[in-house]
Amino acid sequence: MQKLDRESTNEEELVAKKTVLVSDTSGDEIPDGKRATIRITFRDARKGVRELDVTDAEAESIGGHSVARRGRRPRAAAS
């Protein structure tokens, strides 16, 4: 087993990396747990799909309508 010397360790190994999410609309930092993704699907399939990272407050202010969740209903709600 080798013993590591403190002098031989590289300082880069001791630095932590942090990913910061920034809103695409306002440019503000998005705190943990407050992120929303807006997905824009064009009718013309050649244009593809666009996604925006925004805060949940910005997503609520944009509006739109709620979409029902997909999948089978739970047993209690089905009857």
PDB file of N, CA and C in Angstrom:
ATOM      1  N   MET A   1       0.835  -1.175   0.000  1.00  0.00           N
ATOM      2  CA  MET A   1       0.000   0.000   0.000  1.00  0.00           C
ATOM      3  C   MET A   1       0.879   1.237   0.000  1.00  0.00           C
ATOM      4  N   GLN A   2       0.551   2.200  -0.852  1.00  0.00           N
ATOM      5  CA  GLN A   2       1.344   3.408  -0.926  1.00  0.00           C
ATOM      6  C   GLN A   2       0.806   4.470   0.008  1.00  0.00           C
ATOM      7  N   LYS A   3       1.698   5.241   0.528  1.00  0.00           N
ATOM      8  CA  LYS A   3       1.307   6.357   1.365  1.00  0.00           C
ATOM      9  C   LYS A   3       1.389   7.621   0.514  1.00  0.00           C
ATOM     10  N   LEU A   4       0.309   8.416   0.502  1.00  0.00           N
ATOM     11  CA  LEU A   4       0.291   9.628  -0.305  1.00  0.00           C
ATOM     12  C   LEU A   4       0.890  10.788   0.476  1.00  0.00           C
ATOM     13  N   ASP A   5       1.761  11.518  -0.162  1.00  0.00           N
ATOM     14  CA  ASP A   5       2.327  12.720   0.449  1.00  0.00           C
ATOM     15  C   ASP A   5       1.396  13.897   0.190  1.00  0.00           C
ATOM     16  N   ARG A   6       1.274  14.788   1.156  1.00  0.00           N
ATOM     17  CA  ARG A   6       0.455  15.986   0.983  1.00  0.00           C
ATOM     18  C   ARG A   6       0.996  16.870  -0.136  1.00  0.00           C
ATOM     19  N   GLU A   7       2.296  16.906  -0.296  1.00  0.00           N
ATOM     20  CA  GLU A   7       2.907  17.752  -1.313  1.00  0.00           C
ATOM     21  C   GLU A   7       2.657  17.219  -2.718  1.00  0.00           C
ATOM     22  N   SER A   8       2.442  15.944  -2.845  1.00  0.00           N
ATOM     23  CA  SER A   8       2.269  15.370  -4.170  1.00  0.00           C
ATOM     24  C   SER A   8       0.827  15.454  -4.667  1.00  0.00           C
ATOM     25  N   THR A   9      -0.135  15.745  -3.792  1.00  0.00           N
ATOM     26  CA  THR A   9      -1.522  15.858  -4.250  1.00  0.00           C
ATOM     27  C   THR A   9      -1.708  17.164  -4.992  1.00  0.00           C
ATOM     28  N   ASN A  10      -2.493  17.117  -6.006  1.00  0.00           N
ATOM     29  CA  ASN A  10      -2.756  18.276  -6.846  1.00  0.00           C
ATOM     30  C   ASN A  10      -3.912  19.073  -6.254  1.00  0.00           C
ATOM     31  N   GLU A  11      -3.842  20.399  -6.262  1.00  0.00           N
ATOM     32  CA  GLU A  11      -4.907  21.220  -5.683  1.00  0.00           C
ATOM     33  C   GLU A  11      -6.209  21.086  -6.450  1.00  0.00           C
ATOM     34  N   GLU A  12      -6.146  20.755  -7.723  1.00  0.00           N
ATOM     35  CA  GLU A  12      -7.363  20.601  -8.509  1.00  0.00           C
ATOM     36  C   GLU A  12      -8.230  19.472  -7.965  1.00  0.00           C
ATOM     37  N   GLU A  13      -7.643  18.476  -7.405  1.00  0.00           N
ATOM     38  CA  GLU A  13      -8.398  17.346  -6.876  1.00  0.00           C
ATOM     39  C   GLU A  13      -9.200  17.730  -5.634  1.00  0.00           C
ATOM     40  N   LEU A  14      -8.817  18.797  -4.967  1.00  0.00           N
ATOM     41  CA  LEU A  14      -9.469  19.189  -3.735  1.00  0.00           C
ATOM     42  C   LEU A  14     -10.585  20.214  -3.940  1.00  0.00           C
ATOM     43  N   VAL A  15     -10.759  20.706  -5.158  1.00  0.00           N
ATOM     44  CA  VAL A  15     -11.746  21.736  -5.442  1.00  0.00           C
ATOM     45  C   VAL A  15     -13.035  21.077  -5.908  1.00  0.00           C
ATOM     46  N   ALA A  16     -14.152  21.481  -5.291  1.00  0.00           N
ATOM     47  CA  ALA A  16     -15.457  20.943  -5.680  1.00  0.00           C
ATOM     48  C   ALA A  16     -16.028  21.769  -6.831  1.00  0.00           C
ATOM     49  N   LYS A  17     -16.824  21.128  -7.660  1.00  0.00           N
ATOM     50  CA  LYS A  17     -17.474  21.821  -8.761  1.00  0.00           C
ATOM     51  C   LYS A  17     -18.944  21.976  -8.444  1.00  0.00           C
ATOM     52  N   LYS A  18     -19.501  23.118  -8.811  1.00  0.00           N
ATOM     53  CA  LYS A  18     -20.915  23.391  -8.574  1.00  0.00           C
ATOM     54  C   LYS A  18     -21.539  23.841  -9.881  1.00  0.00           C
ATOM     55  N   THR A  19     -22.654  23.248 -10.226  1.00  0.00           N
ATOM     56  CA  THR A  19     -23.378  23.644 -11.422  1.00  0.00           C
ATOM     57  C   THR A  19     -24.430  24.674 -11.025  1.00  0.00           C
ATOM     58  N   VAL A  20     -24.418  25.814 -11.685  1.00  0.00           N
ATOM     59  CA  VAL A  20     -25.377  26.876 -11.407  1.00  0.00           C
ATOM     60  C   VAL A  20     -26.336  26.948 -12.576  1.00  0.00           C
ATOM     61  N   LEU A  21     -27.641  26.815 -12.294  1.00  0.00           N
ATOM     62  CA  LEU A  21     -28.652  26.925 -13.339  1.00  0.00           C
ATOM     63  C   LEU A  21     -29.135  28.360 -13.412  1.00  0.00           C
ATOM     64  N   VAL A  22     -29.238  28.877 -14.635  1.00  0.00           N
ATOM     65  CA  VAL A  22     -29.664  30.251 -14.857  1.00  0.00           C
ATOM     66  C   VAL A  22     -30.909  30.235 -15.728  1.00  0.00           C
ATOM     67  N   SER A  23     -31.879  31.083 -15.383  1.00  0.00           N
ATOM     68  CA  SER A  23     -33.121  31.157 -16.133  1.00  0.00           C
ATOM     69  C   SER A  23     -32.856  31.689 -17.535  1.00  0.00           C
ATOM     70  N   ASP A  24     -33.483  31.067 -18.539  1.00  0.00           N
ATOM     71  CA  ASP A  24     -33.324  31.509 -19.922  1.00  0.00           C
ATOM     72  C   ASP A  24     -34.097  32.796 -20.197  1.00  0.00           C
ATOM     73  N   THR A  25     -35.103  33.110 -19.381  1.00  0.00           N
ATOM     74  CA  THR A  25     -35.897  34.308 -19.633  1.00  0.00           C
ATOM     75  C   THR A  25     -35.381  35.524 -18.874  1.00  0.00           C
ATOM     76  N   SER A  26     -35.061  35.375 -17.591  1.00  0.00           N
ATOM     77  CA  SER A  26     -34.650  36.531 -16.790  1.00  0.00           C
ATOM     78  C   SER A  26     -33.146  36.605 -16.549  1.00  0.00           C
ATOM     79  N   GLY A  27     -32.448  35.489 -16.648  1.00  0.00           N
ATOM     80  CA  GLY A  27     -31.014  35.481 -16.388  1.00  0.00           C
ATOM     81  C   GLY A  27     -30.669  35.322 -14.922  1.00  0.00           C
ATOM     82  N   ASP A  28     -31.676  35.148 -14.053  1.00  0.00           N
ATOM     83  CA  ASP A  28     -31.451  34.961 -12.621  1.00  0.00           C
ATOM     84  C   ASP A  28     -31.071  33.524 -12.323  1.00  0.00           C
ATOM     85  N   GLU A  29     -30.356  33.321 -11.225  1.00  0.00           N
ATOM     86  CA  GLU A  29     -29.991  31.974 -10.794  1.00  0.00           C
ATOM     87  C   GLU A  29     -31.243  31.249 -10.301  1.00  0.00           C
ATOM     88  N   ILE A  30     -31.371  29.979 -10.645  1.00  0.00           N
ATOM     89  CA  ILE A  30     -32.519  29.176 -10.228  1.00  0.00           C
ATOM     90  C   ILE A  30     -32.130  28.382  -8.990  1.00  0.00           C
ATOM     91  N   PRO A  31     -32.787  28.624  -7.842  1.00  0.00           N
ATOM     92  CA  PRO A  31     -32.451  27.873  -6.631  1.00  0.00           C
ATOM     93  C   PRO A  31     -32.884  26.408  -6.747  1.00  0.00           C
ATOM     94  N   ASP A  32     -32.278  25.549  -5.930  1.00  0.00           N
ATOM     95  CA  ASP A  32     -32.627  24.128  -5.940  1.00  0.00           C
ATOM     96  C   ASP A  32     -34.101  23.941  -5.603  1.00  0.00           C
ATOM     97  N   GLY A  33     -34.767  23.093  -6.356  1.00  0.00           N
ATOM     98  CA  GLY A  33     -36.169  22.785  -6.106  1.00  0.00           C
ATOM     99  C   GLY A  33     -37.139  23.781  -6.701  1.00  0.00           C
ATOM    100  N   LYS A  34     -36.663  24.810  -7.379  1.00  0.00           N
ATOM    101  CA  LYS A  34     -37.539  25.840  -7.952  1.00  0.00           C
ATOM    102  C   LYS A  34     -37.426  25.902  -9.467  1.00  0.00           C
ATOM    103  N   ARG A  35     -36.992  24.797 -10.081  1.00  0.00           N
ATOM    104  CA  ARG A  35     -36.754  24.771 -11.517  1.00  0.00           C
ATOM    105  C   ARG A  35     -37.972  24.240 -12.257  1.00  0.00           C
ATOM    106  N   ALA A  36     -38.236  24.829 -13.406  1.00  0.00           N
ATOM    107  CA  ALA A  36     -39.274  24.346 -14.302  1.00  0.00           C
ATOM    108  C   ALA A  36     -38.702  24.348 -15.713  1.00  0.00           C
ATOM    109  N   THR A  37     -39.201  23.459 -16.539  1.00  0.00           N
ATOM    110  CA  THR A  37     -38.776  23.387 -17.926  1.00  0.00           C
ATOM    111  C   THR A  37     -39.988  23.631 -18.815  1.00  0.00           C
ATOM    112  N   ILE A  38     -39.880  24.589 -19.703  1.00  0.00           N
ATOM    113  CA  ILE A  38     -40.948  24.860 -20.666  1.00  0.00           C
ATOM    114  C   ILE A  38     -40.538  24.210 -21.972  1.00  0.00           C
ATOM    115  N   ARG A  39     -41.415  23.358 -22.485  1.00  0.00           N
ATOM    116  CA  ARG A  39     -41.125  22.625 -23.721  1.00  0.00           C
ATOM    117  C   ARG A  39     -42.039  23.151 -24.813  1.00  0.00           C
ATOM    118  N   ILE A  40     -41.450  23.621 -25.891  1.00  0.00           N
ATOM    119  CA  ILE A  40     -42.202  24.161 -27.024  1.00  0.00           C
ATOM    120  C   ILE A  40     -42.085  23.178 -28.175  1.00  0.00           C
ATOM    121  N   THR A  41     -43.221  22.656 -28.605  1.00  0.00           N
ATOM    122  CA  THR A  41     -43.262  21.711 -29.716  1.00  0.00           C
ATOM    123  C   THR A  41     -43.935  22.401 -30.894  1.00  0.00           C
ATOM    124  N   PHE A  42     -43.248  22.507 -32.004  1.00  0.00           N
ATOM    125  CA  PHE A  42     -43.796  23.146 -33.191  1.00  0.00           C
ATOM    126  C   PHE A  42     -44.655  22.156 -33.964  1.00  0.00           C
ATOM    127  N   ARG A  43     -45.701  22.667 -34.601  1.00  0.00           N
ATOM    128  CA  ARG A  43     -46.547  21.805 -35.437  1.00  0.00           C
ATOM    129  C   ARG A  43     -45.765  21.288 -36.633  1.00  0.00           C
ATOM    130  N   ASP A  44     -44.851  22.107 -37.131  1.00  0.00           N
ATOM    131  CA  ASP A  44     -43.990  21.689 -38.226  1.00  0.00           C
ATOM    132  C   ASP A  44     -42.833  20.893 -37.618  1.00  0.00           C
ATOM    133  N   ALA A  45     -42.819  19.602 -37.805  1.00  0.00           N
ATOM    134  CA  ALA A  45     -41.841  18.727 -37.153  1.00  0.00           C
ATOM    135  C   ALA A  45     -40.401  19.045 -37.538  1.00  0.00           C
ATOM    136  N   ARG A  46     -40.207  19.708 -38.671  1.00  0.00           N
ATOM    137  CA  ARG A  46     -38.845  20.035 -39.106  1.00  0.00           C
ATOM    138  C   ARG A  46     -38.178  21.052 -38.186  1.00  0.00           C
ATOM    139  N   LYS A  47     -38.968  21.842 -37.477  1.00  0.00           N
ATOM    140  CA  LYS A  47     -38.404  22.846 -36.568  1.00  0.00           C
ATOM    141  C   LYS A  47     -37.952  22.229 -35.254  1.00  0.00           C
ATOM    142  N   GLY A  48     -38.456  21.049 -34.939  1.00  0.00           N
ATOM    143  CA  GLY A  48     -38.016  20.350 -33.738  1.00  0.00           C
ATOM    144  C   GLY A  48     -38.704  20.838 -32.474  1.00  0.00           C
ATOM    145  N   VAL A  49     -38.001  20.710 -31.366  1.00  0.00           N
ATOM    146  CA  VAL A  49     -38.529  21.048 -30.052  1.00  0.00           C
ATOM    147  C   VAL A  49     -37.544  21.972 -29.361  1.00  0.00           C
ATOM    148  N   ARG A  50     -38.038  22.968 -28.655  1.00  0.00           N
ATOM    149  CA  ARG A  50     -37.194  23.887 -27.876  1.00  0.00           C
ATOM    150  C   ARG A  50     -37.539  23.728 -26.406  1.00  0.00           C
ATOM    151  N   GLU A  51     -36.537  23.868 -25.543  1.00  0.00           N
ATOM    152  CA  GLU A  51     -36.762  23.798 -24.106  1.00  0.00           C
ATOM    153  C   GLU A  51     -36.135  25.011 -23.441  1.00  0.00           C
ATOM    154  N   LEU A  52     -36.860  25.581 -22.474  1.00  0.00           N
ATOM    155  CA  LEU A  52     -36.382  26.717 -21.701  1.00  0.00           C
ATOM    156  C   LEU A  52     -36.320  26.315 -20.238  1.00  0.00           C
ATOM    157  N   ASP A  53     -35.226  26.662 -19.565  1.00  0.00           N
ATOM    158  CA  ASP A  53     -35.123  26.464 -18.122  1.00  0.00           C
ATOM    159  C   ASP A  53     -35.525  27.769 -17.456  1.00  0.00           C
ATOM    160  N   VAL A  54     -36.552  27.716 -16.606  1.00  0.00           N
ATOM    161  CA  VAL A  54     -37.062  28.896 -15.927  1.00  0.00           C
ATOM    162  C   VAL A  54     -37.350  28.550 -14.471  1.00  0.00           C
ATOM    163  N   THR A  55     -37.609  29.574 -13.661  1.00  0.00           N
ATOM    164  CA  THR A  55     -38.032  29.331 -12.286  1.00  0.00           C
ATOM    165  C   THR A  55     -39.503  28.947 -12.304  1.00  0.00           C
ATOM    166  N   ASP A  56     -39.984  28.329 -11.227  1.00  0.00           N
ATOM    167  CA  ASP A  56     -41.387  27.911 -11.196  1.00  0.00           C
ATOM    168  C   ASP A  56     -42.323  29.121 -11.212  1.00  0.00           C
ATOM    169  N   ALA A  57     -41.911  30.239 -10.634  1.00  0.00           N
ATOM    170  CA  ALA A  57     -42.735  31.447 -10.650  1.00  0.00           C
ATOM    171  C   ALA A  57     -42.872  32.001 -12.066  1.00  0.00           C
ATOM    172  N   GLU A  58     -41.784  31.974 -12.845  1.00  0.00           N
ATOM    173  CA  GLU A  58     -41.844  32.434 -14.227  1.00  0.00           C
ATOM    174  C   GLU A  58     -42.745  31.529 -15.058  1.00  0.00           C
ATOM    175  N   ALA A  59     -42.697  30.241 -14.804  1.00  0.00           N
ATOM    176  CA  ALA A  59     -43.548  29.296 -15.546  1.00  0.00           C
ATOM    177  C   ALA A  59     -45.023  29.525 -15.218  1.00  0.00           C
ATOM    178  N   GLU A  60     -45.328  29.808 -13.953  1.00  0.00           N
ATOM    179  CA  GLU A  60     -46.719  30.075 -13.565  1.00  0.00           C
ATOM    180  C   GLU A  60     -47.227  31.362 -14.198  1.00  0.00           C
ATOM    181  N   SER A  61     -46.372  32.367 -14.307  1.00  0.00           N
ATOM    182  CA  SER A  61     -46.805  33.652 -14.853  1.00  0.00           C
ATOM    183  C   SER A  61     -47.057  33.588 -16.364  1.00  0.00           C
ATOM    184  N   ILE A  62     -46.442  32.635 -17.046  1.00  0.00           N
ATOM    185  CA  ILE A  62     -46.646  32.514 -18.490  1.00  0.00           C
ATOM    186  C   ILE A  62     -48.065  32.057 -18.794  1.00  0.00           C
ATOM    187  N   GLY A  63     -48.621  31.221 -17.955  1.00  0.00           N
ATOM    188  CA  GLY A  63     -49.993  30.781 -18.167  1.00  0.00           C
ATOM    189  C   GLY A  63     -50.060  29.448 -18.871  1.00  0.00           C
ATOM    190  N   GLY A  64     -51.027  29.330 -19.773  1.00  0.00           N
ATOM    191  CA  GLY A  64     -51.249  28.060 -20.443  1.00  0.00           C
ATOM    192  C   GLY A  64     -52.298  27.259 -19.691  1.00  0.00           C
ATOM    193  N   HIS A  65     -52.456  26.020 -20.063  1.00  0.00           N
ATOM    194  CA  HIS A  65     -53.428  25.171 -19.381  1.00  0.00           C
ATOM    195  C   HIS A  65     -52.741  23.919 -18.858  1.00  0.00           C
ATOM    196  N   SER A  66     -53.308  23.364 -17.817  1.00  0.00           N
ATOM    197  CA  SER A  66     -52.760  22.145 -17.233  1.00  0.00           C
ATOM    198  C   SER A  66     -53.063  20.965 -18.134  1.00  0.00           C
ATOM    199  N   VAL A  67     -52.145  20.049 -18.182  1.00  0.00           N
ATOM    200  CA  VAL A  67     -52.323  18.846 -18.983  1.00  0.00           C
ATOM    201  C   VAL A  67     -52.427  17.674 -18.014  1.00  0.00           C
ATOM    202  N   ALA A  68     -53.409  16.807 -18.226  1.00  0.00           N
ATOM    203  CA  ALA A  68     -53.603  15.655 -17.352  1.00  0.00           C
ATOM    204  C   ALA A  68     -52.400  14.726 -17.427  1.00  0.00           C
ATOM    205  N   ARG A  69     -52.105  14.101 -16.319  1.00  0.00           N
ATOM    206  CA  ARG A  69     -50.992  13.156 -16.294  1.00  0.00           C
ATOM    207  C   ARG A  69     -51.374  11.914 -17.075  1.00  0.00           C
ATOM    208  N   ARG A  70     -50.396  11.324 -17.698  1.00  0.00           N
ATOM    209  CA  ARG A  70     -50.658  10.127 -18.490  1.00  0.00           C
ATOM    210  C   ARG A  70     -50.616   8.890 -17.611  1.00  0.00           C
ATOM    211  N   GLY A  71     -51.225   7.840 -18.096  1.00  0.00           N
ATOM    212  CA  GLY A  71     -51.168   6.576 -17.387  1.00  0.00           C
ATOM    213  C   GLY A  71     -52.520   6.164 -16.838  1.00  0.00           C
ATOM    214  N   ARG A  72     -52.529   5.040 -16.190  1.00  0.00           N
ATOM    215  CA  ARG A  72     -53.753   4.487 -15.656  1.00  0.00           C
ATOM    216  C   ARG A  72     -54.134   5.185 -14.364  1.00  0.00           C
ATOM    217  N   ARG A  73     -55.420   5.374 -14.143  1.00  0.00           N
ATOM    218  CA  ARG A  73     -55.895   5.985 -12.904  1.00  0.00           C
ATOM    219  C   ARG A  73     -55.687   5.032 -11.740  1.00  0.00           C
ATOM    220  N   PRO A  74     -55.459   5.566 -10.554  1.00  0.00           N
ATOM    221  CA  PRO A  74     -55.352   4.684  -9.386  1.00  0.00           C
ATOM    222  C   PRO A  74     -56.676   3.959  -9.135  1.00  0.00           C
ATOM    223  N   ARG A  75     -56.644   2.809  -8.478  1.00  0.00           N
ATOM    224  CA  ARG A  75     -57.848   1.987  -8.283  1.00  0.00           C
ATOM    225  C   ARG A  75     -58.974   2.736  -7.592  1.00  0.00           C
ATOM    226  N   ALA A  76     -58.667   3.519  -6.575  1.00  0.00           N
ATOM    227  CA  ALA A  76     -59.712   4.225  -5.814  1.00  0.00           C
ATOM    228  C   ALA A  76     -60.418   5.248  -6.685  1.00  0.00           C
ATOM    229  N   ALA A  77     -59.735   5.900  -7.578  1.00  0.00           N
ATOM    230  CA  ALA A  77     -60.337   6.938  -8.426  1.00  0.00           C
ATOM    231  C   ALA A  77     -61.037   6.340  -9.631  1.00  0.00           C
ATOM    232  N   ALA A  78     -60.740   5.120 -10.009  1.00  0.00           N
ATOM    233  CA  ALA A  78     -61.304   4.511 -11.207  1.00  0.00           C
ATOM    234  C   ALA A  78     -62.773   4.124 -11.029  1.00  0.00           C
ATOM    235  N   SER A  79     -63.191   3.821  -9.811  1.00  0.00           N
ATOM    236  CA  SER A  79     -64.567   3.370  -9.627  1.00  0.00           C
ATOM    237  C   SER A  79     -65.490   4.480  -9.211  1.00  0.00           C
TER     238      SER A  79
END
